[in-house]
PDB file of all heavy atoms in Angstrom:
ATOM      1  N   ASN A   1     -42.343  -9.853 -46.219  1.00  0.00           N
ATOM      2  CA  ASN A   1     -41.499  -9.452 -45.089  1.00  0.00           C
ATOM      3  C   ASN A   1     -41.660  -7.956 -44.824  1.00  0.00           C
ATOM      4  O   ASN A   1     -42.506  -7.300 -45.391  1.00  0.00           O
ATOM      5  CB  ASN A   1     -40.030  -9.852 -45.334  1.00  0.00           C
ATOM      6  CG  ASN A   1     -39.413  -9.179 -46.558  1.00  0.00           C
ATOM      7  OD1 ASN A   1     -39.993  -8.205 -47.112  1.00  0.00           O
ATOM      8  ND2 ASN A   1     -38.272  -9.637 -46.995  1.00  0.00           N
ATOM      9  N   GLU A   2     -40.817  -7.403 -43.924  1.00  0.00           N
ATOM     10  CA  GLU A   2     -40.927  -5.991 -43.555  1.00  0.00           C
ATOM     11  C   GLU A   2     -40.724  -5.024 -44.734  1.00  0.00           C
ATOM     12  O   GLU A   2     -41.168  -3.923 -44.688  1.00  0.00           O
ATOM     13  CB  GLU A   2     -39.993  -5.654 -42.411  1.00  0.00           C
ATOM     14  CG  GLU A   2     -38.524  -5.867 -42.709  1.00  0.00           C
ATOM     15  CD  GLU A   2     -38.031  -7.298 -42.507  1.00  0.00           C
ATOM     16  OE1 GLU A   2     -38.793  -8.134 -41.926  1.00  0.00           O
ATOM     17  OE2 GLU A   2     -36.917  -7.563 -42.868  1.00  0.00           O
ATOM     18  N   GLU A   3     -40.023  -5.496 -45.782  1.00  0.00           N
ATOM     19  CA  GLU A   3     -39.831  -4.659 -46.958  1.00  0.00           C
ATOM     20  C   GLU A   3     -40.931  -4.880 -48.014  1.00  0.00           C
ATOM     21  O   GLU A   3     -40.882  -4.270 -49.069  1.00  0.00           O
ATOM     22  CB  GLU A   3     -38.487  -4.946 -47.547  1.00  0.00           C
ATOM     23  CG  GLU A   3     -37.330  -4.659 -46.611  1.00  0.00           C
ATOM     24  CD  GLU A   3     -36.005  -5.200 -47.117  1.00  0.00           C
ATOM     25  OE1 GLU A   3     -35.985  -5.841 -48.178  1.00  0.00           O
ATOM     26  OE2 GLU A   3     -34.994  -5.018 -46.414  1.00  0.00           O
ATOM     27  N   GLY A   4     -41.830  -5.768 -47.727  1.00  0.00           N
ATOM     28  CA  GLY A   4     -42.914  -6.045 -48.670  1.00  0.00           C
ATOM     29  C   GLY A   4     -42.597  -7.036 -49.759  1.00  0.00           C
ATOM     30  O   GLY A   4     -43.299  -7.106 -50.742  1.00  0.00           O
ATOM     31  N   VAL A   5     -41.523  -7.757 -49.577  1.00  0.00           N
ATOM     32  CA  VAL A   5     -41.062  -8.744 -50.577  1.00  0.00           C
ATOM     33  C   VAL A   5     -41.672 -10.109 -50.261  1.00  0.00           C
ATOM     34  O   VAL A   5     -41.558 -10.600 -49.130  1.00  0.00           O
ATOM     35  CB  VAL A   5     -39.533  -8.830 -50.604  1.00  0.00           C
ATOM     36  CG1 VAL A   5     -39.092  -9.883 -51.602  1.00  0.00           C
ATOM     37  CG2 VAL A   5     -38.928  -7.475 -50.940  1.00  0.00           C
ATOM     38  N   ILE A   6     -42.314 -10.702 -51.228  1.00  0.00           N
ATOM     39  CA  ILE A   6     -42.870 -12.066 -51.076  1.00  0.00           C
ATOM     40  C   ILE A   6     -41.826 -13.048 -51.618  1.00  0.00           C
ATOM     41  O   ILE A   6     -41.390 -12.906 -52.752  1.00  0.00           O
ATOM     42  CB  ILE A   6     -44.167 -12.196 -51.858  1.00  0.00           C
ATOM     43  CG1 ILE A   6     -45.214 -11.156 -51.366  1.00  0.00           C
ATOM     44  CG2 ILE A   6     -44.753 -13.616 -51.759  1.00  0.00           C
ATOM     45  CD1 ILE A   6     -46.429 -11.024 -52.280  1.00  0.00           C
ATOM     46  N   VAL A   7     -41.499 -14.061 -50.802  1.00  0.00           N
ATOM     47  CA  VAL A   7     -40.472 -15.045 -51.224  1.00  0.00           C
ATOM     48  C   VAL A   7     -41.162 -16.319 -51.634  1.00  0.00           C
ATOM     49  O   VAL A   7     -41.976 -16.891 -50.924  1.00  0.00           O
ATOM     50  CB  VAL A   7     -39.469 -15.318 -50.062  1.00  0.00           C
ATOM     51  CG1 VAL A   7     -38.444 -16.346 -50.500  1.00  0.00           C
ATOM     52  CG2 VAL A   7     -38.799 -14.011 -49.620  1.00  0.00           C
ATOM     53  N   TYR A   8     -40.845 -16.771 -52.852  1.00  0.00           N
ATOM     54  CA  TYR A   8     -41.338 -18.036 -53.388  1.00  0.00           C
ATOM     55  C   TYR A   8     -40.200 -19.049 -53.300  1.00  0.00           C
ATOM     56  O   TYR A   8     -39.128 -18.826 -53.829  1.00  0.00           O
ATOM     57  CB  TYR A   8     -41.769 -17.869 -54.849  1.00  0.00           C
ATOM     58  CG  TYR A   8     -43.022 -17.056 -55.006  1.00  0.00           C
ATOM     59  CD1 TYR A   8     -42.952 -15.680 -55.063  1.00  0.00           C
ATOM     60  CD2 TYR A   8     -44.242 -17.653 -55.146  1.00  0.00           C
ATOM     61  CE1 TYR A   8     -44.109 -14.904 -55.173  1.00  0.00           C
ATOM     62  CE2 TYR A   8     -45.414 -16.930 -55.290  1.00  0.00           C
ATOM     63  CZ  TYR A   8     -45.342 -15.507 -55.320  1.00  0.00           C
ATOM     64  OH  TYR A   8     -46.464 -14.780 -55.469  1.00  0.00           O
ATOM     65  N   HIS A   9     -40.463 -20.188 -52.629  1.00  0.00           N
ATOM     66  CA  HIS A   9     -39.447 -21.235 -52.519  1.00  0.00           C
ATOM     67  C   HIS A   9     -39.821 -22.359 -53.493  1.00  0.00           C
ATOM     68  O   HIS A   9     -40.878 -22.999 -53.334  1.00  0.00           O
ATOM     69  CB  HIS A   9     -39.436 -21.802 -51.069  1.00  0.00           C
ATOM     70  CG  HIS A   9     -39.030 -20.793 -50.054  1.00  0.00           C
ATOM     71  ND1 HIS A   9     -37.721 -20.533 -49.791  1.00  0.00           N
ATOM     72  CD2 HIS A   9     -39.755 -19.961 -49.276  1.00  0.00           C
ATOM     73  CE1 HIS A   9     -37.646 -19.597 -48.856  1.00  0.00           C
ATOM     74  NE2 HIS A   9     -38.893 -19.222 -48.522  1.00  0.00           N
ATOM     75  N   LEU A  10     -38.957 -22.576 -54.474  1.00  0.00           N
ATOM     76  CA  LEU A  10     -39.220 -23.573 -55.494  1.00  0.00           C
ATOM     77  C   LEU A  10     -38.505 -24.879 -55.082  1.00  0.00           C
ATOM     78  O   LEU A  10     -37.308 -24.864 -54.789  1.00  0.00           O
ATOM     79  CB  LEU A  10     -38.680 -23.097 -56.834  1.00  0.00           C
ATOM     80  CG  LEU A  10     -38.695 -24.045 -58.009  1.00  0.00           C
ATOM     81  CD1 LEU A  10     -40.150 -24.383 -58.362  1.00  0.00           C
ATOM     82  CD2 LEU A  10     -38.040 -23.409 -59.211  1.00  0.00           C
ATOM     83  N   HIS A  11     -39.251 -25.982 -55.086  1.00  0.00           N
ATOM     84  CA  HIS A  11     -38.674 -27.309 -54.768  1.00  0.00           C
ATOM     85  C   HIS A  11     -38.842 -28.196 -55.999  1.00  0.00           C
ATOM     86  O   HIS A  11     -39.943 -28.303 -56.544  1.00  0.00           O
ATOM     87  CB  HIS A  11     -39.446 -27.950 -53.571  1.00  0.00           C
ATOM     88  CG  HIS A  11     -39.437 -27.066 -52.360  1.00  0.00           C
ATOM     89  ND1 HIS A  11     -38.376 -27.050 -51.479  1.00  0.00           N
ATOM     90  CD2 HIS A  11     -40.354 -26.216 -51.876  1.00  0.00           C
ATOM     91  CE1 HIS A  11     -38.642 -26.178 -50.536  1.00  0.00           C
ATOM     92  NE2 HIS A  11     -39.846 -25.677 -50.746  1.00  0.00           N
ATOM     93  N   VAL A  12     -37.775 -28.840 -56.388  1.00  0.00           N
ATOM     94  CA  VAL A  12     -37.775 -29.794 -57.505  1.00  0.00           C
ATOM     95  C   VAL A  12     -37.055 -31.064 -57.073  1.00  0.00           C
ATOM     96  O   VAL A  12     -36.402 -31.078 -56.035  1.00  0.00           O
ATOM     97  CB  VAL A  12     -37.122 -29.245 -58.796  1.00  0.00           C
ATOM     98  CG1 VAL A  12     -37.897 -28.040 -59.305  1.00  0.00           C
ATOM     99  CG2 VAL A  12     -35.703 -28.871 -58.579  1.00  0.00           C
ATOM    100  N   ALA A  13     -37.163 -32.118 -57.894  1.00  0.00           N
ATOM    101  CA  ALA A  13     -36.470 -33.341 -57.546  1.00  0.00           C
ATOM    102  C   ALA A  13     -34.973 -33.137 -57.651  1.00  0.00           C
ATOM    103  O   ALA A  13     -34.464 -32.271 -58.332  1.00  0.00           O
ATOM    104  CB  ALA A  13     -36.868 -34.458 -58.579  1.00  0.00           C
ATOM    105  N   GLU A  14     -34.247 -33.940 -56.876  1.00  0.00           N
ATOM    106  CA  GLU A  14     -32.772 -33.782 -56.790  1.00  0.00           C
ATOM    107  C   GLU A  14     -32.113 -33.874 -58.168  1.00  0.00           C
ATOM    108  O   GLU A  14     -31.223 -33.133 -58.483  1.00  0.00           O
ATOM    109  CB  GLU A  14     -32.238 -34.906 -55.870  1.00  0.00           C
ATOM    110  CG  GLU A  14     -30.726 -34.863 -55.683  1.00  0.00           C
ATOM    111  CD  GLU A  14     -30.333 -34.201 -54.383  1.00  0.00           C
ATOM    112  OE1 GLU A  14     -31.178 -34.038 -53.499  1.00  0.00           O
ATOM    113  OE2 GLU A  14     -29.156 -33.842 -54.283  1.00  0.00           O
ATOM    114  N   ASP A  15     -32.594 -34.801 -59.021  1.00  0.00           N
ATOM    115  CA  ASP A  15     -32.016 -34.991 -60.349  1.00  0.00           C
ATOM    116  C   ASP A  15     -32.308 -33.810 -61.271  1.00  0.00           C
ATOM    117  O   ASP A  15     -31.611 -33.644 -62.254  1.00  0.00           O
ATOM    118  CB  ASP A  15     -32.575 -36.274 -60.969  1.00  0.00           C
ATOM    119  CG  ASP A  15     -32.203 -37.514 -60.187  1.00  0.00           C
ATOM    120  OD1 ASP A  15     -31.177 -37.455 -59.438  1.00  0.00           O
ATOM    121  OD2 ASP A  15     -32.855 -38.554 -60.328  1.00  0.00           O
ATOM    122  N   ASP A  16     -33.304 -33.008 -60.983  1.00  0.00           N
ATOM    123  CA  ASP A  16     -33.667 -31.913 -61.859  1.00  0.00           C
ATOM    124  C   ASP A  16     -33.085 -30.569 -61.436  1.00  0.00           C
ATOM    125  O   ASP A  16     -33.301 -29.546 -62.121  1.00  0.00           O
ATOM    126  CB  ASP A  16     -35.205 -31.754 -61.920  1.00  0.00           C
ATOM    127  CG  ASP A  16     -35.872 -32.908 -62.649  1.00  0.00           C
ATOM    128  OD1 ASP A  16     -35.247 -33.440 -63.577  1.00  0.00           O
ATOM    129  OD2 ASP A  16     -37.006 -33.264 -62.314  1.00  0.00           O
ATOM    130  N   MET A  17     -32.327 -30.541 -60.366  1.00  0.00           N
ATOM    131  CA  MET A  17     -31.740 -29.260 -59.874  1.00  0.00           C
ATOM    132  C   MET A  17     -30.865 -28.589 -60.949  1.00  0.00           C
ATOM    133  O   MET A  17     -30.938 -27.412 -61.154  1.00  0.00           O
ATOM    134  CB  MET A  17     -30.902 -29.524 -58.615  1.00  0.00           C
ATOM    135  CG  MET A  17     -31.778 -29.698 -57.394  1.00  0.00           C
ATOM    136  SD  MET A  17     -32.716 -28.215 -57.006  1.00  0.00           S
ATOM    137  CE  MET A  17     -31.563 -27.350 -55.987  1.00  0.00           C
ATOM    138  N   GLY A  18     -30.047 -29.401 -61.605  1.00  0.00           N
ATOM    139  CA  GLY A  18     -29.188 -28.859 -62.643  1.00  0.00           C
ATOM    140  C   GLY A  18     -29.957 -28.273 -63.810  1.00  0.00           C
ATOM    141  O   GLY A  18     -29.541 -27.241 -64.394  1.00  0.00           O
ATOM    142  N   ARG A  19     -31.085 -28.871 -64.158  1.00  0.00           N
ATOM    143  CA  ARG A  19     -31.887 -28.340 -65.252  1.00  0.00           C
ATOM    144  C   ARG A  19     -32.498 -27.010 -64.878  1.00  0.00           C
ATOM    145  O   ARG A  19     -32.633 -26.144 -65.731  1.00  0.00           O
ATOM    146  CB  ARG A  19     -32.991 -29.308 -65.570  1.00  0.00           C
ATOM    147  CG  ARG A  19     -32.529 -30.612 -66.178  1.00  0.00           C
ATOM    148  CD  ARG A  19     -33.738 -31.509 -66.480  1.00  0.00           C
ATOM    149  NE  ARG A  19     -33.325 -32.735 -67.096  1.00  0.00           N
ATOM    150  CZ  ARG A  19     -33.102 -32.899 -68.382  1.00  0.00           C
ATOM    151  NH1 ARG A  19     -33.216 -31.875 -69.185  1.00  0.00           N
ATOM    152  NH2 ARG A  19     -32.741 -34.066 -68.851  1.00  0.00           N
ATOM    153  N   VAL A  20     -32.878 -26.831 -63.646  1.00  0.00           N
ATOM    154  CA  VAL A  20     -33.543 -25.585 -63.228  1.00  0.00           C
ATOM    155  C   VAL A  20     -32.510 -24.501 -63.010  1.00  0.00           C
ATOM    156  O   VAL A  20     -32.764 -23.316 -63.348  1.00  0.00           O
ATOM    157  CB  VAL A  20     -34.355 -25.801 -61.930  1.00  0.00           C
ATOM    158  CG1 VAL A  20     -34.912 -24.521 -61.388  1.00  0.00           C
ATOM    159  CG2 VAL A  20     -35.498 -26.780 -62.198  1.00  0.00           C
ATOM    160  N   ILE A  21     -31.334 -24.842 -62.537  1.00  0.00           N
ATOM    161  CA  ILE A  21     -30.285 -23.852 -62.308  1.00  0.00           C
ATOM    162  C   ILE A  21     -29.602 -23.464 -63.610  1.00  0.00           C
ATOM    163  O   ILE A  21     -29.369 -22.281 -63.878  1.00  0.00           O
ATOM    164  CB  ILE A  21     -29.284 -24.314 -61.243  1.00  0.00           C
ATOM    165  CG1 ILE A  21     -30.006 -24.473 -59.906  1.00  0.00           C
ATOM    166  CG2 ILE A  21     -28.115 -23.389 -61.118  1.00  0.00           C
ATOM    167  CD1 ILE A  21     -29.201 -25.129 -58.851  1.00  0.00           C
ATOM    168  N   GLY A  22     -29.251 -24.434 -64.424  1.00  0.00           N
ATOM    169  CA  GLY A  22     -28.617 -24.191 -65.711  1.00  0.00           C
ATOM    170  C   GLY A  22     -27.132 -23.913 -65.576  1.00  0.00           C
ATOM    171  O   GLY A  22     -26.598 -23.775 -64.441  1.00  0.00           O
ATOM    172  N   LYS A  23     -26.487 -23.784 -66.688  1.00  0.00           N
ATOM    173  CA  LYS A  23     -25.045 -23.473 -66.697  1.00  0.00           C
ATOM    174  C   LYS A  23     -24.818 -22.058 -66.156  1.00  0.00           C
ATOM    175  O   LYS A  23     -25.422 -21.113 -66.652  1.00  0.00           O
ATOM    176  CB  LYS A  23     -24.445 -23.552 -68.100  1.00  0.00           C
ATOM    177  CG  LYS A  23     -24.362 -24.950 -68.637  1.00  0.00           C
ATOM    178  CD  LYS A  23     -23.653 -24.987 -69.976  1.00  0.00           C
ATOM    179  CE  LYS A  23     -23.566 -26.427 -70.443  1.00  0.00           C
ATOM    180  NZ  LYS A  23     -22.938 -26.473 -71.787  1.00  0.00           N
ATOM    181  N   GLN A  24     -23.983 -21.994 -65.142  1.00  0.00           N
ATOM    182  CA  GLN A  24     -23.645 -20.727 -64.452  1.00  0.00           C
ATOM    183  C   GLN A  24     -24.909 -19.979 -63.990  1.00  0.00           C
ATOM    184  O   GLN A  24     -24.879 -18.762 -63.866  1.00  0.00           O
ATOM    185  CB  GLN A  24     -22.785 -19.819 -65.379  1.00  0.00           C
ATOM    186  CG  GLN A  24     -21.493 -20.463 -65.762  1.00  0.00           C
ATOM    187  CD  GLN A  24     -20.679 -19.577 -66.681  1.00  0.00           C
ATOM    188  OE1 GLN A  24     -21.143 -18.559 -67.186  1.00  0.00           O
ATOM    189  NE2 GLN A  24     -19.451 -19.979 -66.955  1.00  0.00           N
ATOM    190  N   GLY A  25     -25.968 -20.691 -63.701  1.00  0.00           N
ATOM    191  CA  GLY A  25     -27.158 -20.092 -63.161  1.00  0.00           C
ATOM    192  C   GLY A  25     -28.005 -19.329 -64.153  1.00  0.00           C
ATOM    193  O   GLY A  25     -28.862 -18.535 -63.743  1.00  0.00           O
ATOM    194  N   ARG A  26     -27.815 -19.510 -65.442  1.00  0.00           N
ATOM    195  CA  ARG A  26     -28.487 -18.715 -66.434  1.00  0.00           C
ATOM    196  C   ARG A  26     -30.016 -18.984 -66.464  1.00  0.00           C
ATOM    197  O   ARG A  26     -30.781 -18.060 -66.611  1.00  0.00           O
ATOM    198  CB  ARG A  26     -27.932 -19.005 -67.811  1.00  0.00           C
ATOM    199  CG  ARG A  26     -26.548 -18.405 -67.970  1.00  0.00           C
ATOM    200  CD  ARG A  26     -26.039 -18.612 -69.371  1.00  0.00           C
ATOM    201  NE  ARG A  26     -24.689 -18.076 -69.471  1.00  0.00           N
ATOM    202  CZ  ARG A  26     -23.817 -18.464 -70.361  1.00  0.00           C
ATOM    203  NH1 ARG A  26     -24.144 -19.349 -71.258  1.00  0.00           N
ATOM    204  NH2 ARG A  26     -22.618 -17.924 -70.358  1.00  0.00           N
ATOM    205  N   ILE A  27     -30.412 -20.241 -66.332  1.00  0.00           N
ATOM    206  CA  ILE A  27     -31.852 -20.526 -66.337  1.00  0.00           C
ATOM    207  C   ILE A  27     -32.513 -20.005 -65.102  1.00  0.00           C
ATOM    208  O   ILE A  27     -33.628 -19.428 -65.124  1.00  0.00           O
ATOM    209  CB  ILE A  27     -32.092 -22.024 -66.528  1.00  0.00           C
ATOM    210  CG1 ILE A  27     -31.586 -22.484 -67.904  1.00  0.00           C
ATOM    211  CG2 ILE A  27     -33.563 -22.365 -66.346  1.00  0.00           C
ATOM    212  CD1 ILE A  27     -31.661 -23.972 -68.148  1.00  0.00           C
ATOM    213  N   ALA A  28     -31.836 -20.136 -63.950  1.00  0.00           N
ATOM    214  CA  ALA A  28     -32.366 -19.620 -62.699  1.00  0.00           C
ATOM    215  C   ALA A  28     -32.556 -18.096 -62.790  1.00  0.00           C
ATOM    216  O   ALA A  28     -33.586 -17.561 -62.329  1.00  0.00           O
ATOM    217  CB  ALA A  28     -31.463 -19.972 -61.516  1.00  0.00           C
ATOM    218  N   LYS A  29     -31.599 -17.428 -63.379  1.00  0.00           N
ATOM    219  CA  LYS A  29     -31.680 -15.951 -63.542  1.00  0.00           C
ATOM    220  C   LYS A  29     -32.829 -15.607 -64.420  1.00  0.00           C
ATOM    221  O   LYS A  29     -33.573 -14.654 -64.186  1.00  0.00           O
ATOM    222  CB  LYS A  29     -30.357 -15.401 -64.101  1.00  0.00           C
ATOM    223  CG  LYS A  29     -29.272 -15.403 -63.117  1.00  0.00           C
ATOM    224  CD  LYS A  29     -27.974 -14.832 -63.773  1.00  0.00           C
ATOM    225  CE  LYS A  29     -26.758 -15.077 -62.863  1.00  0.00           C
ATOM    226  NZ  LYS A  29     -25.507 -14.680 -63.530  1.00  0.00           N
ATOM    227  N   ALA A  30     -32.987 -16.384 -65.518  1.00  0.00           N
ATOM    228  CA  ALA A  30     -34.091 -16.095 -66.447  1.00  0.00           C
ATOM    229  C   ALA A  30     -35.473 -16.293 -65.774  1.00  0.00           C
ATOM    230  O   ALA A  30     -36.398 -15.486 -65.982  1.00  0.00           O
ATOM    231  CB  ALA A  30     -33.992 -16.995 -67.662  1.00  0.00           C
ATOM    232  N   ILE A  31     -35.595 -17.332 -64.989  1.00  0.00           N
ATOM    233  CA  ILE A  31     -36.841 -17.558 -64.250  1.00  0.00           C
ATOM    234  C   ILE A  31     -37.127 -16.396 -63.314  1.00  0.00           C
ATOM    235  O   ILE A  31     -38.233 -15.866 -63.225  1.00  0.00           O
ATOM    236  CB  ILE A  31     -36.760 -18.870 -63.436  1.00  0.00           C
ATOM    237  CG1 ILE A  31     -36.754 -20.070 -64.385  1.00  0.00           C
ATOM    238  CG2 ILE A  31     -37.922 -18.992 -62.455  1.00  0.00           C
ATOM    239  CD1 ILE A  31     -36.473 -21.400 -63.721  1.00  0.00           C
ATOM    240  N   ARG A  32     -36.094 -15.927 -62.632  1.00  0.00           N
ATOM    241  CA  ARG A  32     -36.275 -14.768 -61.702  1.00  0.00           C
ATOM    242  C   ARG A  32     -36.673 -13.509 -62.452  1.00  0.00           C
ATOM    243  O   ARG A  32     -37.507 -12.714 -61.976  1.00  0.00           O
ATOM    244  CB  ARG A  32     -34.979 -14.553 -60.907  1.00  0.00           C
ATOM    245  CG  ARG A  32     -34.755 -15.653 -59.888  1.00  0.00           C
ATOM    246  CD  ARG A  32     -33.512 -15.411 -59.042  1.00  0.00           C
ATOM    247  NE  ARG A  32     -33.395 -16.431 -58.042  1.00  0.00           N
ATOM    248  CZ  ARG A  32     -32.361 -17.292 -57.969  1.00  0.00           C
ATOM    249  NH1 ARG A  32     -31.380 -17.242 -58.875  1.00  0.00           N
ATOM    250  NH2 ARG A  32     -32.315 -18.218 -57.038  1.00  0.00           N
ATOM    251  N   VAL A  33     -36.065 -13.283 -63.613  1.00  0.00           N
ATOM    252  CA  VAL A  33     -36.414 -12.092 -64.401  1.00  0.00           C
ATOM    253  C   VAL A  33     -37.861 -12.116 -64.843  1.00  0.00           C
ATOM    254  O   VAL A  33     -38.594 -11.123 -64.771  1.00  0.00           O
ATOM    255  CB  VAL A  33     -35.492 -11.951 -65.615  1.00  0.00           C
ATOM    256  CG1 VAL A  33     -35.988 -10.935 -66.624  1.00  0.00           C
ATOM    257  CG2 VAL A  33     -34.085 -11.582 -65.189  1.00  0.00           C
ATOM    258  N   VAL A  34     -38.341 -13.268 -65.347  1.00  0.00           N
ATOM    259  CA  VAL A  34     -39.712 -13.410 -65.796  1.00  0.00           C
ATOM    260  C   VAL A  34     -40.662 -13.183 -64.622  1.00  0.00           C
ATOM    261  O   VAL A  34     -41.680 -12.514 -64.701  1.00  0.00           O
ATOM    262  CB  VAL A  34     -39.951 -14.779 -66.459  1.00  0.00           C
ATOM    263  CG1 VAL A  34     -41.421 -15.023 -66.668  1.00  0.00           C
ATOM    264  CG2 VAL A  34     -39.210 -14.843 -67.793  1.00  0.00           C
ATOM    265  N   MET A  35     -40.343 -13.793 -63.480  1.00  0.00           N
ATOM    266  CA  MET A  35     -41.210 -13.667 -62.310  1.00  0.00           C
ATOM    267  C   MET A  35     -41.254 -12.217 -61.809  1.00  0.00           C
ATOM    268  O   MET A  35     -42.324 -11.739 -61.438  1.00  0.00           O
ATOM    269  CB  MET A  35     -40.735 -14.596 -61.194  1.00  0.00           C
ATOM    270  CG  MET A  35     -40.899 -16.068 -61.504  1.00  0.00           C
ATOM    271  SD  MET A  35     -42.649 -16.518 -61.744  1.00  0.00           S
ATOM    272  CE  MET A  35     -43.287 -16.255 -60.097  1.00  0.00           C
ATOM    273  N   ARG A  36     -40.107 -11.547 -61.811  1.00  0.00           N
ATOM    274  CA  ARG A  36     -40.115 -10.142 -61.365  1.00  0.00           C
ATOM    275  C   ARG A  36     -40.920  -9.262 -62.321  1.00  0.00           C
ATOM    276  O   ARG A  36     -41.603  -8.328 -61.887  1.00  0.00           O
ATOM    277  CB  ARG A  36     -38.687  -9.621 -61.259  1.00  0.00           C
ATOM    278  CG  ARG A  36     -38.004 -10.030 -59.987  1.00  0.00           C
ATOM    279  CD  ARG A  36     -36.738  -9.211 -59.702  1.00  0.00           C
ATOM    280  NE  ARG A  36     -35.890 -10.029 -58.900  1.00  0.00           N
ATOM    281  CZ  ARG A  36     -34.719 -10.507 -59.246  1.00  0.00           C
ATOM    282  NH1 ARG A  36     -34.196 -10.238 -60.414  1.00  0.00           N
ATOM    283  NH2 ARG A  36     -33.997 -11.249 -58.396  1.00  0.00           N
ATOM    284  N   ALA A  37     -40.796  -9.545 -63.608  1.00  0.00           N
ATOM    285  CA  ALA A  37     -41.564  -8.751 -64.571  1.00  0.00           C
ATOM    286  C   ALA A  37     -43.062  -8.940 -64.367  1.00  0.00           C
ATOM    287  O   ALA A  37     -43.832  -8.016 -64.438  1.00  0.00           O
ATOM    288  CB  ALA A  37     -41.171  -9.163 -66.011  1.00  0.00           C
ATOM    289  N   ALA A  38     -43.493 -10.178 -64.126  1.00  0.00           N
ATOM    290  CA  ALA A  38     -44.911 -10.448 -63.878  1.00  0.00           C
ATOM    291  C   ALA A  38     -45.342  -9.787 -62.576  1.00  0.00           C
ATOM    292  O   ALA A  38     -46.441  -9.292 -62.489  1.00  0.00           O
ATOM    293  CB  ALA A  38     -45.152 -11.937 -63.840  1.00  0.00           C
ATOM    294  N   ALA A  39     -44.470  -9.834 -61.578  1.00  0.00           N
ATOM    295  CA  ALA A  39     -44.834  -9.224 -60.280  1.00  0.00           C
ATOM    296  C   ALA A  39     -44.966  -7.699 -60.423  1.00  0.00           C
ATOM    297  O   ALA A  39     -45.828  -7.097 -59.776  1.00  0.00           O
ATOM    298  CB  ALA A  39     -43.786  -9.576 -59.248  1.00  0.00           C
ATOM    299  N   THR A  40     -44.135  -7.088 -61.220  1.00  0.00           N
ATOM    300  CA  THR A  40     -44.183  -5.616 -61.440  1.00  0.00           C
ATOM    301  C   THR A  40     -45.523  -5.249 -62.046  1.00  0.00           C
ATOM    302  O   THR A  40     -46.073  -4.218 -61.664  1.00  0.00           O
ATOM    303  CB  THR A  40     -43.023  -5.210 -62.337  1.00  0.00           C
ATOM    304  OG1 THR A  40     -41.798  -5.569 -61.721  1.00  0.00           O
ATOM    305  CG2 THR A  40     -43.029  -3.704 -62.501  1.00  0.00           C
ATOM    306  N   ARG A  41     -46.055  -6.062 -62.913  1.00  0.00           N
ATOM    307  CA  ARG A  41     -47.330  -5.783 -63.544  1.00  0.00           C
ATOM    308  C   ARG A  41     -48.448  -5.810 -62.475  1.00  0.00           C
ATOM    309  O   ARG A  41     -49.476  -5.171 -62.635  1.00  0.00           O
ATOM    310  CB  ARG A  41     -47.635  -6.769 -64.631  1.00  0.00           C
ATOM    311  CG  ARG A  41     -46.684  -6.633 -65.802  1.00  0.00           C
ATOM    312  CD  ARG A  41     -47.074  -7.490 -66.913  1.00  0.00           C
ATOM    313  NE  ARG A  41     -48.224  -6.842 -67.578  1.00  0.00           N
ATOM    314  CZ  ARG A  41     -48.781  -7.326 -68.646  1.00  0.00           C
ATOM    315  NH1 ARG A  41     -48.333  -8.409 -69.232  1.00  0.00           N
ATOM    316  NH2 ARG A  41     -49.818  -6.715 -69.203  1.00  0.00           N
ATOM    317  N   ASN A  42     -48.245  -6.585 -61.386  1.00  0.00           N
ATOM    318  CA  ASN A  42     -49.243  -6.711 -60.287  1.00  0.00           C
ATOM    319  C   ASN A  42     -48.890  -5.826 -59.124  1.00  0.00           C
ATOM    320  O   ASN A  42     -49.477  -5.989 -58.056  1.00  0.00           O
ATOM    321  CB  ASN A  42     -49.369  -8.169 -59.853  1.00  0.00           C
ATOM    322  CG  ASN A  42     -49.886  -9.073 -60.949  1.00  0.00           C
ATOM    323  OD1 ASN A  42     -50.583  -8.620 -61.814  1.00  0.00           O
ATOM    324  ND2 ASN A  42     -49.552 -10.314 -60.873  1.00  0.00           N
ATOM    325  N   ASP A  43     -47.927  -4.917 -59.295  1.00  0.00           N
ATOM    326  CA  ASP A  43     -47.442  -4.043 -58.213  1.00  0.00           C
ATOM    327  C   ASP A  43     -47.017  -4.840 -56.983  1.00  0.00           C
ATOM    328  O   ASP A  43     -47.343  -4.475 -55.837  1.00  0.00           O
ATOM    329  CB  ASP A  43     -48.508  -3.005 -57.834  1.00  0.00           C
ATOM    330  CG  ASP A  43     -48.796  -2.015 -58.951  1.00  0.00           C
ATOM    331  OD1 ASP A  43     -47.797  -1.715 -59.680  1.00  0.00           O
ATOM    332  OD2 ASP A  43     -49.918  -1.605 -59.097  1.00  0.00           O
ATOM    333  N   GLU A  44     -46.273  -5.911 -57.210  1.00  0.00           N
ATOM    334  CA  GLU A  44     -45.721  -6.713 -56.092  1.00  0.00           C
ATOM    335  C   GLU A  44     -44.219  -6.741 -56.213  1.00  0.00           C
ATOM    336  O   GLU A  44     -43.635  -6.494 -57.278  1.00  0.00           O
ATOM    337  CB  GLU A  44     -46.225  -8.154 -56.194  1.00  0.00           C
ATOM    338  CG  GLU A  44     -47.726  -8.324 -56.061  1.00  0.00           C
ATOM    339  CD  GLU A  44     -48.144  -9.773 -56.214  1.00  0.00           C
ATOM    340  OE1 GLU A  44     -47.311 -10.641 -56.470  1.00  0.00           O
ATOM    341  OE2 GLU A  44     -49.372 -10.035 -56.107  1.00  0.00           O
ATOM    342  N   ARG A  45     -43.601  -7.055 -55.071  1.00  0.00           N
ATOM    343  CA  ARG A  45     -42.116  -7.270 -55.048  1.00  0.00           C
ATOM    344  C   ARG A  45     -41.933  -8.732 -54.602  1.00  0.00           C
ATOM    345  O   ARG A  45     -42.438  -9.140 -53.564  1.00  0.00           O
ATOM    346  CB  ARG A  45     -41.473  -6.321 -54.066  1.00  0.00           C
ATOM    347  CG  ARG A  45     -41.640  -4.879 -54.512  1.00  0.00           C
ATOM    348  CD  ARG A  45     -40.961  -3.915 -53.548  1.00  0.00           C
ATOM    349  NE  ARG A  45     -39.534  -4.181 -53.543  1.00  0.00           N
ATOM    350  CZ  ARG A  45     -38.724  -3.910 -52.518  1.00  0.00           C
ATOM    351  NH1 ARG A  45     -39.206  -3.382 -51.442  1.00  0.00           N
ATOM    352  NH2 ARG A  45     -37.448  -4.195 -52.590  1.00  0.00           N
TER     353      ARG A  45
END
């Protein structure tokens, strides 16, 4: 986008949404942290 941020849209089966999000969004936050760390190594946002 105009700020240089690349958006990744993750799609999973309806039954697996809870597994990916986790309790209080903890797994989703962890996925985002790992992805941001990897992106930083590639000089991406």
